[in-house]
Amino acid sequence: MEIEKEIEAIKGRNIRVEADKGWETSWTRRLFIAVATYLIAVLWLMLIRESSVWLKAVVPVGGYVLSTLSLSFVKKWWVAKFWKSA
């Protein structure tokens, strides 16, 4: 009975880990962070009385989106080159 409980606990953990992985790479997460970054940048630019706040706030969001698109190949390279599995 104890082994069955442990197996079920491991299966539950695996489901949570898979969900976390899915969330980390999801476009929903990326879009939410991009929108939040944009709104924070707009508020900051308004606070410091900058001109063209709606346009200038796109810059950090663009950088964020580009970084999410380009890092996947860097991660694959890093894992293949440097990750030592036990």
Protein backbone atom coordinates (compact mmCIF):
# COMPACT_ATOMS: atom_id res chain seq x y z
CA MET A 1 0.00 0.00 0.00
CA GLU A 2 2.80 2.43 0.84
CA ILE A 3 4.45 1.99 -2.55
CA GLU A 4 1.17 2.73 -4.32
CA LYS A 5 0.82 5.98 -2.36
CA GLU A 6 4.38 6.96 -3.29
CA ILE A 7 3.74 6.19 -6.95
CA GLU A 8 0.57 8.30 -6.91
CA ALA A 9 2.49 11.14 -5.22
CA ILE A 10 5.16 10.95 -7.92
CA LYS A 11 2.53 10.95 -10.66
CA GLY A 12 0.89 14.01 -9.09
CA ARG A 13 4.23 15.78 -8.88
CA ASN A 14 4.97 14.93 -12.52
CA ILE A 15 1.65 16.45 -13.58
CA ARG A 16 2.46 19.66 -11.67
CA VAL A 17 5.96 19.80 -13.18
CA GLU A 18 4.56 19.36 -16.69
CA ALA A 19 2.02 22.12 -16.06
CA ASP A 20 4.79 24.42 -14.79
CA LYS A 21 6.88 23.71 -17.89
CA GLY A 22 3.88 24.40 -20.09
CA TRP A 23 3.21 27.70 -18.32
CA GLU A 24 6.85 28.81 -18.55
CA THR A 25 6.85 28.41 -22.34
CA SER A 26 3.25 29.48 -23.03
CA TRP A 27 2.29 32.45 -25.15
CA THR A 28 -0.30 33.35 -22.51
CA ARG A 29 2.49 33.97 -20.00
CA ARG A 30 4.58 35.90 -22.53
CA LEU A 31 1.63 38.05 -23.55
CA PHE A 32 0.68 38.77 -19.94
CA ILE A 33 4.25 39.84 -19.10
CA ALA A 34 4.45 41.96 -22.26
CA VAL A 35 1.18 43.77 -21.47
CA ALA A 36 2.18 44.29 -17.83
CA THR A 37 5.59 45.62 -18.92
CA TYR A 38 3.94 47.97 -21.40
CA LEU A 39 1.53 49.37 -18.82
CA ILE A 40 4.27 49.87 -16.25
CA ALA A 41 6.46 51.59 -18.85
CA VAL A 42 3.55 53.86 -19.87
CA LEU A 43 2.89 54.79 -16.24
CA TRP A 44 6.57 55.49 -15.61
CA LEU A 45 6.91 57.62 -18.75
CA MET A 46 3.80 59.57 -17.78
CA LEU A 47 5.14 60.05 -14.26
CA ILE A 48 8.38 61.56 -15.55
CA ARG A 49 6.41 63.62 -18.09
CA GLU A 50 8.05 62.08 -21.14
CA SER A 51 6.62 62.75 -24.60
CA SER A 52 5.18 60.00 -26.85
CA VAL A 53 4.69 57.62 -23.92
CA TRP A 54 2.53 55.12 -25.86
CA LEU A 55 5.20 54.74 -28.53
CA LYS A 56 8.24 54.77 -26.24
CA ALA A 57 6.71 52.12 -23.97
CA VAL A 58 6.93 49.66 -26.86
CA VAL A 59 10.74 49.53 -26.61
CA PRO A 60 11.04 47.41 -23.42
CA VAL A 61 8.18 45.18 -24.55
CA GLY A 62 9.89 44.61 -27.89
CA GLY A 63 13.09 43.68 -26.09
CA TYR A 64 11.23 41.25 -23.86
CA VAL A 65 9.40 39.58 -26.75
CA LEU A 66 12.61 39.27 -28.78
CA SER A 67 14.39 37.70 -25.82
CA THR A 68 11.67 35.05 -25.45
CA LEU A 69 11.93 34.20 -29.12
CA SER A 70 15.70 34.03 -29.36
CA LEU A 71 16.61 32.32 -26.12
CA SER A 72 15.22 28.90 -27.02
CA PHE A 73 18.09 28.13 -29.39
CA VAL A 74 20.59 29.50 -26.86
CA LYS A 75 19.07 27.23 -24.21
CA LYS A 76 19.30 24.19 -26.50
CA TRP A 77 22.95 24.98 -27.22
CA TRP A 78 23.71 25.50 -23.51
CA VAL A 79 22.02 22.26 -22.49
CA ALA A 80 23.88 20.30 -25.16
CA LYS A 81 27.23 21.91 -24.39
CA PHE A 82 27.29 22.48 -20.63
CA TRP A 83 24.53 20.59 -18.80
CA LYS A 84 25.85 17.54 -17.02
CA SER A 85 23.08 15.15 -16.09
CA ALA A 86 23.63 12.85 -13.16
